[in-house]
């Protein structure tokens, strides 16, 4: 008997029974999935729109500037029998009342936050006795100072808790606005953010002769700018989403003062600007776009003043500007948005779109007349590129300089004492960087093949290098030679430095080789 297998077909010869149901289910699944995808896309879009909008900070007109600006005191000193000027600095923890009734845990030198202004003259021997009363090791780097590598205060000169370090050197560089701050490997951002920083001013005969504003705290004002964010009573230190430059605050303070104002009594006011923020770059100017005279950069006075209405400073950079005041007016020092951040994404999430009111200057009803800013300032002591005996290249990436992360035991570059070199610095990393070299003041020779703008023609030890920028720097290394103790070069966006964007170089005599870096355990 033949067994026939029955095939059920639709009576009309169409789809088998149940097919419409399956098709309906499939369509419903497609609709549900499409709705889900649309919902997710809308949610992601809304989240991105919120992040994009929330990332922009603008403090203009948001708060009254009603706190008198604190002026860091000039540090006391003694003079030894051999003529050495001796300062004492103590790193310590404390509490600071930035806001009425709220005590914030902070660190400082000789106080709860920031430190006194050290001042010395060219040719003077100085010694600084630095004691560490913190519960962890740190160091004190003399940023911009020309001095022996063993006195530099980098990560090889750590000071253990309870210990004292006493570097000493002879000041051998022009009048300038320098500063000091910690430099522990991997912890610099945290130590600076907590408040360990101060100014170190140098004077010389040339600056003494010039008719510039020079009465400290009167017509010559220190302006140490930091951005902060409060988390309850504490200073926040976390990076926001997509903030690959490092910590960015939502407000600024000057000399540790929130909402600061300063009453001034002179026609010309000199502002010694220091960007002591850990990651934020500023473009300083005034709301009425008034001109001011740039008279000095990181390492000292320019050859002649440069008139401008904006000055951009990345972390660690300094500028001395002179602004003219009118009797009875109030004018705000402001930081404006910046275009050179490597595209809209980096501008928005790297702080380039932000605007801050920083310091209000209040002119008295009657002002003391000030002499005009002199047409000539100081002869340049910078090296010329034509004197260079060799060149080096440094490719800046968050992953490391020249694709190498910092290694305390490795000497990356060896330079010969007394020679001049040209260093080519390139940033194609898609984000802002800057570049700081210890011990030297360099000349910016070229920016993307062109003559540098006036703000970069003075002596520099730190320079902003935005994405898509190639710079050539001329550096002269005058020693002393020390094959075993390195100086640093690094990005001064301190999160980048802590992540390993740093290298080491030693200065040697001709024909000498680099040695081995010393044990960097605490003293």
Protein backbone atom coordinates (compact mmCIF):
# COMPACT_ATOMS: atom_id res chain seq x y z
CA UNK A 1 0.00 0.00 0.00
CA UNK A 2 1.45 3.20 -1.01
CA UNK A 3 1.54 5.86 1.76
CA UNK A 4 0.98 9.36 0.53
CA UNK A 5 2.27 12.32 2.41
CA UNK A 6 -0.33 15.00 2.59
CA UNK A 7 0.74 18.63 1.78
CA UNK A 8 -1.71 21.19 3.10
CA UNK A 9 -2.04 24.10 0.80
CA UNK A 10 -4.24 27.10 0.94
CA UNK A 11 -7.50 26.48 -0.87
CA UNK A 12 -6.71 29.25 -3.31
CA UNK A 13 -3.19 28.03 -3.91
CA UNK A 14 -1.72 31.02 -1.91
CA UNK A 15 0.29 31.11 1.34
CA UNK A 16 -0.05 28.26 3.80
CA UNK A 17 -2.30 28.71 6.85
CA UNK A 18 -0.63 30.90 9.57
CA UNK A 19 1.51 32.94 7.20
CA UNK A 20 -0.51 36.16 7.65
CA UNK A 21 -0.12 35.80 11.40
CA UNK A 22 3.63 35.37 11.09
CA UNK A 23 3.85 38.35 8.77
CA UNK A 24 1.85 40.42 11.22
CA UNK A 25 4.15 39.40 14.05
CA UNK A 26 7.19 40.27 11.95
CA UNK A 27 5.77 43.66 11.08
CA UNK A 28 4.94 44.31 14.71
CA UNK A 29 8.49 43.30 15.71
CA UNK A 30 9.90 45.68 13.10
CA UNK A 31 7.68 48.48 14.38
CA UNK A 32 8.64 47.80 18.00
CA UNK A 33 12.34 47.64 17.14
CA UNK A 34 12.04 50.80 15.06
CA UNK A 35 10.30 52.57 17.90
CA UNK A 36 12.96 51.36 20.30
CA UNK A 37 15.76 52.55 18.02
CA UNK A 38 13.99 55.89 17.57
CA UNK A 39 13.51 56.25 21.32
CA UNK A 40 17.17 55.44 21.98
CA UNK A 41 18.26 57.83 19.23
CA UNK A 42 16.09 60.60 20.66
CA UNK A 43 17.37 59.87 24.17
CA UNK A 44 20.99 59.88 22.99
CA UNK A 45 20.37 63.06 21.02
CA UNK A 46 18.76 64.71 24.03
CA UNK A 47 21.62 63.58 26.26
CA UNK A 48 24.19 64.90 23.80
CA UNK A 49 22.27 68.19 23.45
CA UNK A 50 22.23 68.49 27.24
CA UNK A 51 25.95 67.68 27.50
CA UNK A 52 26.74 70.11 24.70
CA UNK A 53 24.74 72.92 26.28
CA UNK A 54 25.86 72.15 29.82
CA UNK A 55 29.55 72.09 28.80
CA UNK A 56 29.56 75.82 28.03
CA UNK A 57 30.26 78.12 30.98
CA UNK A 58 29.47 81.83 31.05
CA UNK A 59 29.75 83.75 34.34
CA UNK A 60 29.23 87.25 32.89
CA UNK A 61 26.88 89.25 35.09
CA UNK A 62 26.00 86.21 37.21
CA UNK A 63 27.41 87.45 40.52
CA UNK A 64 28.38 90.73 42.20
CA UNK A 65 32.10 91.29 42.53
CA UNK A 66 31.98 92.22 46.18
CA UNK A 67 35.12 90.69 47.73
CA UNK A 68 38.23 92.83 48.07
CA UNK A 69 41.12 91.19 46.21
CA UNK A 70 43.65 89.53 48.50
CA UNK A 71 47.25 90.47 47.73
CA UNK A 72 49.77 87.71 48.55
CA UNK A 73 52.20 89.11 51.12
CA UNK A 74 55.85 89.56 50.23
CA UNK A 75 57.76 86.74 51.88
CA UNK A 76 60.01 87.67 54.77
CA UNK A 77 63.67 86.84 54.38
CA UNK A 78 67.01 87.08 56.17
CA UNK A 79 70.48 87.66 54.75
CA UNK A 80 73.36 85.40 55.79
CA UNK A 81 76.88 86.67 56.37
CA UNK A 82 77.87 85.61 52.84
CA UNK A 83 75.03 87.69 51.38
CA UNK A 84 72.64 84.80 50.70
CA UNK A 85 68.99 85.78 50.98
CA UNK A 86 67.10 83.04 52.84
CA UNK A 87 63.37 82.34 52.60
CA UNK A 88 61.30 79.82 54.54
CA UNK A 89 58.34 77.97 53.01
CA UNK A 90 56.18 75.43 54.81
CA UNK A 91 53.78 73.17 52.89
CA UNK A 92 50.77 72.62 55.10
CA UNK A 93 47.12 71.60 55.18
CA UNK A 94 44.41 73.90 56.46
CA UNK A 95 40.96 75.31 55.86
CA UNK A 96 40.02 78.36 53.80
CA UNK A 97 36.74 80.28 53.91
CA UNK A 98 36.26 81.12 50.23
CA UNK A 99 32.51 81.48 50.86
CA UNK A 100 30.99 83.02 53.99
CA UNK A 101 30.58 80.40 56.70
CA UNK A 102 31.91 77.51 54.59
CA UNK A 103 35.34 76.13 55.46
CA UNK A 104 37.04 74.29 52.61
CA UNK A 105 39.98 71.86 53.16
CA UNK A 106 42.99 73.29 51.32
CA UNK A 107 46.78 73.26 51.12
CA UNK A 108 49.11 76.22 51.12
CA UNK A 109 52.59 77.60 51.80
CA UNK A 110 52.90 79.38 55.16
CA UNK A 111 49.11 79.51 55.32
CA UNK A 112 46.00 77.62 54.33
CA UNK A 113 45.96 78.50 50.61
CA UNK A 114 48.54 79.64 48.01
CA UNK A 115 51.78 81.15 49.27
CA UNK A 116 53.69 84.39 49.78
CA UNK A 117 55.45 86.21 46.94
CA UNK A 118 59.20 85.64 46.99
CA UNK A 119 61.32 88.48 45.58
CA UNK A 120 65.02 88.65 44.74
CA UNK A 121 67.42 90.60 42.52
CA UNK A 122 69.60 89.48 39.67
CA UNK A 123 73.04 88.51 40.92
CA UNK A 124 71.75 87.70 44.40
CA UNK A 125 72.39 84.35 46.07
CA UNK A 126 69.18 82.79 47.40
CA UNK A 127 68.30 79.82 49.55
CA UNK A 128 64.78 78.54 50.23
CA UNK A 129 64.23 76.23 53.19
CA UNK A 130 61.18 74.18 52.23
CA UNK A 131 59.60 72.04 54.95
CA UNK A 132 56.83 69.53 54.32
CA UNK A 133 54.11 69.40 56.99
CA UNK A 134 51.74 67.46 54.74
CA UNK A 135 50.97 63.79 55.19
CA UNK A 136 52.40 62.89 51.78
CA UNK A 137 55.57 63.64 49.83
CA UNK A 138 55.67 66.56 47.43
CA UNK A 139 58.19 68.87 45.77
CA UNK A 140 58.56 72.57 44.92
CA UNK A 141 59.55 73.49 41.37
CA UNK A 142 60.79 77.02 40.59
CA UNK A 143 58.92 77.48 37.32
CA UNK A 144 60.88 79.63 34.87
CA UNK A 145 64.02 79.81 37.00
CA UNK A 146 67.48 79.18 35.56
CA UNK A 147 69.26 77.09 38.17
CA UNK A 148 71.16 73.80 38.67
CA UNK A 149 69.14 70.65 37.97
CA UNK A 150 69.57 69.45 41.57
CA UNK A 151 67.84 72.63 42.76
CA UNK A 152 65.03 72.57 40.18
CA UNK A 153 62.40 70.93 42.39
CA UNK A 154 61.14 68.46 39.84
CA UNK A 155 60.02 64.89 40.57
CA UNK A 156 63.58 63.84 41.44
CA UNK A 157 63.74 66.30 44.36
CA UNK A 158 60.85 64.98 46.46
CA UNK A 159 60.41 66.11 50.07
CA UNK A 160 59.10 63.44 52.42
CA UNK A 161 56.56 64.30 55.15
CA UNK A 162 58.39 65.96 58.03
CA UNK A 163 61.51 66.61 55.94
CA UNK A 164 63.15 69.87 54.80
CA UNK A 165 64.84 70.65 51.49
CA UNK A 166 67.09 73.69 51.08
CA UNK A 167 67.91 74.47 47.44
CA UNK A 168 70.28 77.36 46.79
CA UNK A 169 71.44 79.15 43.66
CA UNK A 170 72.53 82.50 42.25
CA UNK A 171 69.86 84.43 40.36
CA UNK A 172 71.23 84.86 36.85
CA UNK A 173 68.41 86.05 34.59
CA UNK A 174 66.45 89.22 33.82
CA UNK A 175 63.63 90.74 35.86
CA UNK A 176 60.55 88.57 35.42
CA UNK A 177 57.38 87.13 36.92
CA UNK A 178 58.06 83.49 37.84
CA UNK A 179 56.17 81.12 40.12
CA UNK A 180 56.61 78.04 42.27
CA UNK A 181 54.44 74.94 42.59
CA UNK A 182 54.69 71.19 43.34
CA UNK A 183 55.94 68.70 40.76
CA UNK A 184 55.43 65.15 42.14
CA UNK A 185 55.30 62.59 39.34
CA UNK A 186 51.70 61.55 38.75
CA UNK A 187 50.28 63.88 41.42
CA UNK A 188 51.04 67.40 40.22
CA UNK A 189 47.47 68.27 39.19
CA UNK A 190 46.07 67.31 42.59
CA UNK A 191 48.73 69.18 44.59
CA UNK A 192 48.41 72.40 42.57
CA UNK A 193 44.61 72.26 42.56
CA UNK A 194 44.55 72.03 46.37
CA UNK A 195 46.36 75.39 46.56
CA UNK A 196 50.14 74.91 46.49
CA UNK A 197 51.37 77.81 44.33
CA UNK A 198 52.98 81.22 44.68
CA UNK A 199 54.81 83.96 42.77
CA UNK A 200 58.58 84.48 42.60
CA UNK A 201 59.43 87.95 41.28
CA UNK A 202 62.89 88.88 40.00
CA UNK A 203 64.23 92.42 39.68
CA UNK A 204 67.26 93.88 37.91
CA UNK A 205 68.86 97.25 37.19
CA UNK A 206 67.04 97.68 33.88
CA UNK A 207 63.59 97.16 35.40
CA UNK A 208 64.47 99.46 38.29
CA UNK A 209 65.28 102.32 35.89
CA UNK A 210 62.18 102.03 33.72
CA UNK A 211 59.21 104.30 34.58
CA UNK A 212 56.77 101.39 34.84
CA UNK A 213 54.18 100.81 37.56
CA UNK A 214 56.18 98.97 40.24
CA UNK A 215 54.60 99.50 43.65
CA UNK A 216 53.62 95.97 44.61
CA UNK A 217 49.96 95.71 45.50
CA UNK A 218 49.29 99.37 44.59
CA UNK A 219 49.77 99.95 40.85
CA UNK A 220 51.63 96.64 40.27
CA UNK A 221 49.12 93.86 41.02
CA UNK A 222 49.72 90.10 41.21
CA UNK A 223 46.85 88.30 39.45
CA UNK A 224 46.98 84.53 40.10
CA UNK A 225 44.00 83.09 38.20
CA UNK A 226 42.52 79.66 38.92
CA UNK A 227 39.29 77.98 37.94
CA UNK A 228 37.46 76.06 40.66
CA UNK A 229 34.32 74.07 41.27
CA UNK A 230 32.87 73.35 44.69
CA UNK A 231 31.44 70.01 45.73
CA UNK A 232 29.73 70.99 48.96
CA UNK A 233 32.48 72.36 51.16
CA UNK A 234 35.27 70.72 49.16
CA UNK A 235 37.18 71.75 46.06
CA UNK A 236 36.11 69.38 43.29
CA UNK A 237 38.79 67.75 41.17
CA UNK A 238 36.94 65.36 38.86
CA UNK A 239 36.97 65.75 35.09
CA UNK A 240 33.64 66.11 33.32
CA UNK A 241 32.48 63.84 30.51
CA UNK A 242 34.64 64.23 27.39
CA UNK A 243 36.94 66.76 29.11
CA UNK A 244 40.21 65.30 27.90
CA UNK A 245 42.18 68.46 28.73
CA UNK A 246 41.81 67.81 32.46
CA UNK A 247 39.84 69.43 35.26
CA UNK A 248 37.74 72.46 34.27
CA UNK A 249 36.01 74.56 36.90
CA UNK A 250 32.79 76.54 36.57
CA UNK A 251 34.07 79.76 38.17
CA UNK A 252 37.34 81.59 38.68
CA UNK A 253 39.12 83.23 41.55
CA UNK A 254 42.13 85.52 41.78
CA UNK A 255 44.74 85.19 44.54
CA UNK A 256 42.30 82.82 46.24
CA UNK A 257 39.48 85.41 46.17
CA UNK A 258 36.07 84.66 44.65
CA UNK A 259 34.26 87.57 42.95
CA UNK A 260 37.25 89.90 43.50
CA UNK A 261 37.44 93.65 43.02
CA UNK A 262 40.39 95.99 43.48
CA UNK A 263 40.21 99.73 43.99
CA UNK A 264 43.02 101.48 42.13
CA UNK A 265 44.31 105.02 42.41
CA UNK A 266 46.65 105.37 39.41
CA UNK A 267 46.12 106.05 35.72
CA UNK A 268 48.22 103.05 34.69
CA UNK A 269 47.91 99.67 36.37
CA UNK A 270 50.30 96.78 35.80
CA UNK A 271 48.76 93.34 36.02
CA UNK A 272 51.10 90.40 36.49
CA UNK A 273 48.90 87.64 35.08
CA UNK A 274 49.61 84.02 36.00
CA UNK A 275 47.47 81.19 34.71
CA UNK A 276 47.71 78.86 37.72
CA UNK A 277 44.82 76.67 36.55
CA UNK A 278 45.62 73.03 35.95
CA UNK A 279 44.02 72.70 32.49
CA UNK A 280 42.09 75.82 31.46
CA UNK A 281 43.40 78.29 28.91
CA UNK A 282 42.26 81.93 29.11
CA UNK A 283 42.06 84.82 26.63
CA UNK A 284 42.23 87.92 28.80
CA UNK A 285 40.87 91.28 27.75
CA UNK A 286 38.21 93.84 28.63
CA UNK A 287 34.53 94.06 27.61
CA UNK A 288 35.04 97.41 25.85
CA UNK A 289 37.96 95.93 23.86
CA UNK A 290 40.28 98.64 25.15
CA UNK A 291 43.92 98.28 24.21
CA UNK A 292 46.57 97.46 26.77
CA UNK A 293 50.34 97.21 26.54
CA UNK A 294 51.99 93.82 26.84
CA UNK A 295 55.34 94.59 28.47
CA UNK A 296 56.52 91.16 29.62
CA UNK A 297 56.07 87.44 29.01
CA UNK A 298 57.15 84.36 30.98
CA UNK A 299 60.84 85.20 31.26
CA UNK A 300 60.87 88.98 31.42
CA UNK A 301 60.35 92.26 29.63
CA UNK A 302 59.92 92.60 25.89
CA UNK A 303 62.26 94.75 23.82
CA UNK A 304 59.34 97.14 23.27
CA UNK A 305 55.68 97.16 24.36
CA UNK A 306 53.11 95.43 22.16
CA UNK A 307 49.65 96.99 22.01
CA UNK A 308 46.77 94.47 21.89
CA UNK A 309 43.28 93.80 23.25
CA UNK A 310 43.60 90.05 24.03
CA UNK A 311 46.32 87.90 25.59
CA UNK A 312 45.99 84.12 25.61
CA UNK A 313 47.59 82.22 28.46
CA UNK A 314 47.61 78.44 28.84
CA UNK A 315 48.42 76.79 32.20
CA UNK A 316 51.76 77.98 33.56
CA UNK A 317 52.13 80.99 31.24
CA UNK A 318 52.55 84.54 32.53
CA UNK A 319 52.09 87.99 31.02
CA UNK A 320 52.66 91.50 32.33
CA UNK A 321 50.21 94.02 30.91
CA UNK A 322 49.65 97.73 31.58
CA UNK A 323 46.10 99.05 31.29
CA UNK A 324 44.97 102.69 31.38
CA UNK A 325 42.17 103.57 33.78
CA UNK A 326 39.70 106.47 33.75
CA UNK A 327 38.67 108.20 36.96
CA UNK A 328 35.55 106.72 38.54
CA UNK A 329 35.12 103.84 36.10
CA UNK A 330 34.66 100.15 36.77
CA UNK A 331 36.14 97.75 34.25
CA UNK A 332 36.12 93.96 34.28
CA UNK A 333 39.07 91.78 33.38
CA UNK A 334 37.39 89.03 31.36
CA UNK A 335 38.38 85.78 29.68
CA UNK A 336 36.80 85.44 26.24
CA UNK A 337 36.00 82.43 24.00
CA UNK A 338 38.85 81.19 21.82
CA UNK A 339 38.87 79.76 18.32
CA UNK A 340 42.13 77.82 18.23
CA UNK A 341 41.13 74.63 20.00
CA UNK A 342 41.05 72.08 17.18
CA UNK A 343 37.41 72.22 16.12
CA UNK A 344 33.99 72.82 17.65
CA UNK A 345 34.08 69.64 19.76
CA UNK A 346 37.33 70.54 21.48
CA UNK A 347 36.32 74.17 21.92
CA UNK A 348 33.13 73.15 23.66
CA UNK A 349 34.46 70.34 25.86
CA UNK A 350 37.97 71.77 26.31
CA UNK A 351 36.83 75.14 27.65
CA UNK A 352 37.44 77.19 24.52
CA UNK A 353 33.82 78.41 24.34
CA UNK A 354 33.72 79.60 27.95
CA UNK A 355 33.53 83.19 29.20
CA UNK A 356 34.51 84.35 32.68
CA UNK A 357 34.37 87.63 34.51
CA UNK A 358 37.65 87.48 36.43
CA UNK A 359 38.51 90.71 38.29
CA UNK A 360 36.78 94.07 38.58
CA UNK A 361 39.04 97.14 38.68
CA UNK A 362 37.42 100.13 40.39
CA UNK A 363 39.10 103.43 39.66
CA UNK A 364 39.04 106.13 42.32
CA UNK A 365 37.33 109.44 41.54
CA UNK A 366 40.75 111.06 41.27
CA UNK A 367 43.74 109.19 39.86
CA UNK A 368 47.43 109.84 40.32
CA UNK A 369 49.04 110.61 36.94
CA UNK A 370 51.35 107.89 35.60
CA UNK A 371 54.26 108.31 33.20
CA UNK A 372 53.71 106.88 29.73
CA UNK A 373 54.86 103.32 29.06
CA UNK A 374 58.39 103.69 27.63
CA UNK A 375 58.86 102.91 23.95
CA UNK A 376 61.87 100.67 24.71
CA UNK A 377 62.04 98.20 27.57
CA UNK A 378 64.89 95.67 27.74
CA UNK A 379 67.47 94.25 25.37
CA UNK A 380 66.77 90.66 24.38
CA UNK A 381 68.94 87.91 25.82
CA UNK A 382 67.24 85.17 23.81
CA UNK A 383 69.19 82.81 21.54
CA UNK A 384 68.94 83.02 17.75
CA UNK A 385 67.99 80.04 15.63
CA UNK A 386 71.02 80.70 13.41
CA UNK A 387 73.27 79.76 16.33
CA UNK A 388 71.77 76.27 16.63
CA UNK A 389 74.12 73.31 16.40
CA UNK A 390 71.35 70.73 16.06
CA UNK A 391 67.58 70.23 16.00
CA UNK A 392 65.17 67.90 17.80
CA UNK A 393 61.54 67.00 17.18
CA UNK A 394 58.80 66.49 19.78
CA UNK A 395 55.45 65.05 18.78
CA UNK A 396 52.83 65.90 21.43
CA UNK A 397 50.26 63.21 22.19
CA UNK A 398 48.33 62.36 25.33
CA UNK A 399 49.81 58.86 25.03
CA UNK A 400 53.30 60.34 25.46
CA UNK A 401 55.81 62.68 23.84
CA UNK A 402 57.39 61.04 20.79
CA UNK A 403 55.22 57.98 21.60
CA UNK A 404 56.98 57.49 24.94
CA UNK A 405 55.41 57.84 28.36
CA UNK A 406 57.48 59.39 31.12
CA UNK A 407 59.99 57.05 32.76
CA UNK A 408 61.81 58.43 35.81
CA UNK A 409 64.78 56.19 35.12
CA UNK A 410 65.23 57.09 31.44
CA UNK A 411 67.09 60.10 30.05
CA UNK A 412 65.33 61.05 26.82
CA UNK A 413 67.62 63.79 25.51
CA UNK A 414 71.22 64.85 26.14
CA UNK A 415 72.30 68.42 25.37
CA UNK A 416 75.73 69.99 25.46
CA UNK A 417 76.34 72.90 27.81
CA UNK A 418 76.81 76.24 26.05
CA UNK A 419 75.07 75.22 22.83
CA UNK A 420 71.90 76.43 21.13
CA UNK A 421 69.37 74.04 19.60
CA UNK A 422 66.11 74.36 17.67
CA UNK A 423 63.28 72.18 18.95
CA UNK A 424 60.33 71.56 16.65
CA UNK A 425 57.10 70.95 18.56
CA UNK A 426 54.11 69.45 16.75
CA UNK A 427 50.54 68.81 17.89
CA UNK A 428 48.30 66.72 15.62
CA UNK A 429 46.56 65.04 18.57
CA UNK A 430 43.13 66.61 18.05
CA UNK A 431 43.20 68.38 21.43
CA UNK A 432 45.01 71.35 22.98
CA UNK A 433 48.43 70.89 24.55
CA UNK A 434 51.16 73.21 25.71
CA UNK A 435 54.90 72.75 26.17
CA UNK A 436 57.08 73.77 29.12
CA UNK A 437 60.85 73.38 29.33
CA UNK A 438 62.63 73.62 32.68
CA UNK A 439 65.70 75.83 33.25
CA UNK A 440 65.58 77.85 30.01
CA UNK A 441 63.80 80.79 28.44
CA UNK A 442 63.39 80.14 24.73
CA UNK A 443 62.64 82.16 21.62
CA UNK A 444 59.61 81.18 19.53
CA UNK A 445 61.08 81.19 16.02
CA UNK A 446 58.10 80.09 13.92
CA UNK A 447 54.44 79.20 14.30
CA UNK A 448 53.26 77.06 11.37
CA UNK A 449 56.10 78.44 9.27
CA UNK A 450 55.29 82.08 9.99
CA UNK A 451 56.76 84.78 12.22
CA UNK A 452 55.23 84.48 15.68
CA UNK A 453 52.66 87.07 16.78
CA UNK A 454 53.79 89.82 19.19
CA UNK A 455 52.58 87.91 22.27
CA UNK A 456 55.09 85.15 21.48
CA UNK A 457 58.13 87.29 20.73
CA UNK A 458 59.34 87.70 24.29
CA UNK A 459 61.18 85.23 26.53
CA UNK A 460 59.06 82.10 27.03
CA UNK A 461 59.32 78.90 29.04
CA UNK A 462 55.77 77.67 28.34
CA UNK A 463 53.81 77.95 25.11
CA UNK A 464 50.31 76.98 23.99
CA UNK A 465 50.34 74.45 21.14
CA UNK A 466 46.78 73.92 19.86
CA UNK A 467 45.88 71.09 17.51
CA UNK A 468 47.28 71.53 14.02
CA UNK A 469 50.22 73.64 15.19
CA UNK A 470 53.94 73.22 14.58
CA UNK A 471 56.32 75.54 16.44
CA UNK A 472 60.05 76.00 16.29
CA UNK A 473 61.81 77.09 19.46
CA UNK A 474 65.42 78.26 19.91
CA UNK A 475 66.91 77.22 23.26
CA UNK A 476 70.36 77.84 24.73
CA UNK A 477 71.64 75.57 27.51
CA UNK A 478 74.12 77.35 29.76
CA UNK A 479 74.40 74.78 32.48
CA UNK A 480 75.78 73.90 34.87
CA UNK A 481 76.39 70.43 33.51
CA UNK A 482 75.05 67.49 35.49
CA UNK A 483 74.87 64.20 33.58
CA UNK A 484 73.02 62.41 36.40
CA UNK A 485 70.24 64.88 37.26
CA UNK A 486 67.66 65.66 34.59
CA UNK A 487 65.41 68.61 33.89
CA UNK A 488 61.88 68.08 32.56
CA UNK A 489 59.99 69.07 29.44
CA UNK A 490 56.28 68.38 29.42
CA UNK A 491 52.73 69.44 28.70
CA UNK A 492 51.64 71.83 31.46
CA UNK A 493 48.03 70.75 31.24
CA UNK A 494 48.68 68.90 34.47
CA UNK A 495 46.36 65.96 33.84
CA UNK A 496 48.37 65.32 30.67
CA UNK A 497 51.64 65.63 32.58
CA UNK A 498 50.43 63.20 35.24
CA UNK A 499 49.36 60.73 32.54
CA UNK A 500 52.96 60.58 31.30
CA UNK A 501 53.20 63.41 28.75
CA UNK A 502 56.68 64.35 29.94
CA UNK A 503 60.32 63.65 29.17
CA UNK A 504 63.75 64.29 30.70
CA UNK A 505 66.96 65.88 29.47
CA UNK A 506 70.39 66.34 30.99
CA UNK A 507 73.01 68.99 30.31
CA UNK A 508 76.56 67.64 29.85
CA UNK A 509 79.97 68.95 28.95
CA UNK A 510 81.14 68.45 25.37
CA UNK A 511 81.91 64.79 24.77
CA UNK A 512 80.30 63.68 28.02
CA UNK A 513 77.52 61.08 28.12
CA UNK A 514 74.33 61.04 30.14
CA UNK A 515 74.48 59.23 33.46
CA UNK A 516 71.73 57.63 35.48
CA UNK A 517 68.96 59.63 37.17
CA UNK A 518 69.18 59.51 40.96
CA UNK A 519 66.87 57.60 43.24
CA UNK A 520 63.82 59.84 43.55
CA UNK A 521 62.61 58.61 46.89
CA UNK A 522 61.74 61.35 49.38
CA UNK A 523 64.50 63.21 51.19
